[in-house]
Each structure stands twice: as C-alpha cells, then as structure tokens.
C-alpha cells in the first residue's frame, strides 16, 4: 500500500494488515487513523510502549517499585 493517496490508514487487528478508509474493517477491529502506512504498521508497538509507560506510572502512584 502506498502513502501517495490522501486519507487515513488503519491497522486491522483481525487481518494483521494496513487498511484504508475505502477497505477498512469495522471500528471495533482497527486501530487508527494514522497519517501513513508506516505509522499504521507500527501501531501495536506504539500500544505496547504506551502500556508499559502507563503501568509504570500506575505503580509509582500506588507506591510500588518498578
């Protein structure tokens, strides 16, 4: 898929691929929108990184050491 067209890109959790507005699955199956295919392809990595940061913040808030 190319970034040459205008529009949004989504990562499909069901098909494990980048999808566009024209061919995307229902919202419950996609992450996005993202501005490029590369951003959509790295969506799961971004989710993992954010979850780790949030979990560490929650632990600090609760007084736990991590």
C-alpha atoms as a PDB file:
ATOM      1  CA  UNK A   1       0.000   0.000   0.000  1.00  0.00           C
ATOM      2  CA  UNK A   2       1.380   3.424  -0.888  1.00  0.00           C
ATOM      3  CA  UNK A   3       1.215   6.694   1.003  1.00  0.00           C
ATOM      4  CA  UNK A   4       0.726   8.592  -2.258  1.00  0.00           C
ATOM      5  CA  UNK A   5      -3.034   8.955  -1.826  1.00  0.00           C
ATOM      6  CA  UNK A   6      -4.665  11.219   0.687  1.00  0.00           C
ATOM      7  CA  UNK A   7      -6.536   9.700   3.533  1.00  0.00           C
ATOM      8  CA  UNK A   8      -6.172   7.733   6.693  1.00  0.00           C
ATOM      9  CA  UNK A   9      -4.566   4.407   7.392  1.00  0.00           C
ATOM     10  CA  UNK A  10      -5.624   1.841   9.972  1.00  0.00           C
ATOM     11  CA  UNK A  11      -4.096  -1.282  11.491  1.00  0.00           C
ATOM     12  CA  UNK A  12      -6.582  -4.153  11.316  1.00  0.00           C
ATOM     13  CA  UNK A  13      -6.410  -6.421  14.355  1.00  0.00           C
ATOM     14  CA  UNK A  14      -8.366  -9.124  12.576  1.00  0.00           C
ATOM     15  CA  UNK A  15      -6.336  -9.311   9.347  1.00  0.00           C
ATOM     16  CA  UNK A  16      -2.973  -8.009  10.681  1.00  0.00           C
ATOM     17  CA  UNK A  17      -2.555  -5.528   7.846  1.00  0.00           C
ATOM     18  CA  UNK A  18      -2.853  -1.864   6.968  1.00  0.00           C
ATOM     19  CA  UNK A  19      -6.245  -0.839   5.645  1.00  0.00           C
ATOM     20  CA  UNK A  20      -7.537   2.394   4.173  1.00  0.00           C
ATOM     21  CA  UNK A  21     -10.825   4.195   4.633  1.00  0.00           C
ATOM     22  CA  UNK A  22     -12.030   2.511   1.430  1.00  0.00           C
ATOM     23  CA  UNK A  23     -11.398  -1.055   2.634  1.00  0.00           C
ATOM     24  CA  UNK A  24     -11.251  -0.980   6.435  1.00  0.00           C
ATOM     25  CA  UNK A  25     -12.980  -3.373   8.769  1.00  0.00           C
ATOM     26  CA  UNK A  26     -15.481  -2.129  11.361  1.00  0.00           C
ATOM     27  CA  UNK A  27     -14.074   0.225  14.004  1.00  0.00           C
ATOM     28  CA  UNK A  28     -14.001  -2.471  16.691  1.00  0.00           C
ATOM     29  CA  UNK A  29     -11.298  -4.284  14.673  1.00  0.00           C
ATOM     30  CA  UNK A  30      -8.975  -1.397  13.783  1.00  0.00           C
ATOM     31  CA  UNK A  31      -6.514   0.992  15.397  1.00  0.00           C
ATOM     32  CA  UNK A  32      -6.174   4.441  13.943  1.00  0.00           C
ATOM     33  CA  UNK A  33      -6.455   6.520  11.958  1.00  0.00           C
ATOM     34  CA  UNK A  34      -2.761   7.105  11.258  1.00  0.00           C
ATOM     35  CA  UNK A  35      -1.269   9.543   8.745  1.00  0.00           C
ATOM     36  CA  UNK A  36       0.852   6.942   6.920  1.00  0.00           C
ATOM     37  CA  UNK A  37       1.109   3.218   6.296  1.00  0.00           C
ATOM     38  CA  UNK A  38       4.347   3.121   8.323  1.00  0.00           C
ATOM     39  CA  UNK A  39       2.572   4.637  11.330  1.00  0.00           C
ATOM     40  CA  UNK A  40      -0.270   2.140  10.986  1.00  0.00           C
ATOM     41  CA  UNK A  41       2.178  -0.769  10.693  1.00  0.00           C
ATOM     42  CA  UNK A  42       3.857   0.224  13.962  1.00  0.00           C
ATOM     43  CA  UNK A  43       0.564   0.680  15.833  1.00  0.00           C
ATOM     44  CA  UNK A  44       0.955  -2.403  18.023  1.00  0.00           C
ATOM     45  CA  UNK A  45       4.481  -1.395  19.013  1.00  0.00           C
ATOM     46  CA  UNK A  46       3.184   2.040  19.991  1.00  0.00           C
ATOM     47  CA  UNK A  47       0.390   0.455  22.045  1.00  0.00           C
ATOM     48  CA  UNK A  48       2.889  -1.768  23.869  1.00  0.00           C
ATOM     49  CA  UNK A  49       5.217   1.167  24.622  1.00  0.00           C
ATOM     50  CA  UNK A  50       2.352   3.299  25.948  1.00  0.00           C
ATOM     51  CA  UNK A  51       1.022   0.463  28.099  1.00  0.00           C
ATOM     52  CA  UNK A  52       4.454  -0.017  29.685  1.00  0.00           C
ATOM     53  CA  UNK A  53       4.708   3.701  30.495  1.00  0.00           C
ATOM     54  CA  UNK A  54       1.181   3.797  31.940  1.00  0.00           C
ATOM     55  CA  UNK A  55       1.759   0.657  34.033  1.00  0.00           C
ATOM     56  CA  UNK A  56       4.966   2.167  35.461  1.00  0.00           C
ATOM     57  CA  UNK A  57       3.104   5.396  36.265  1.00  0.00           C
ATOM     58  CA  UNK A  58       0.319   3.428  37.956  1.00  0.00           C
ATOM     59  CA  UNK A  59       2.886   1.523  40.030  1.00  0.00           C
ATOM     60  CA  UNK A  60       4.602   4.755  41.101  1.00  0.00           C
ATOM     61  CA  UNK A  61       1.223   6.251  42.014  1.00  0.00           C
ATOM     62  CA  UNK A  62       0.401   3.183  44.113  1.00  0.00           C
ATOM     63  CA  UNK A  63       3.812   3.357  45.804  1.00  0.00           C
ATOM     64  CA  UNK A  64       5.190   0.198  44.200  1.00  0.00           C
ATOM     65  CA  UNK A  65       8.771  -0.012  42.935  1.00  0.00           C
ATOM     66  CA  UNK A  66       9.370  -0.990  39.332  1.00  0.00           C
END
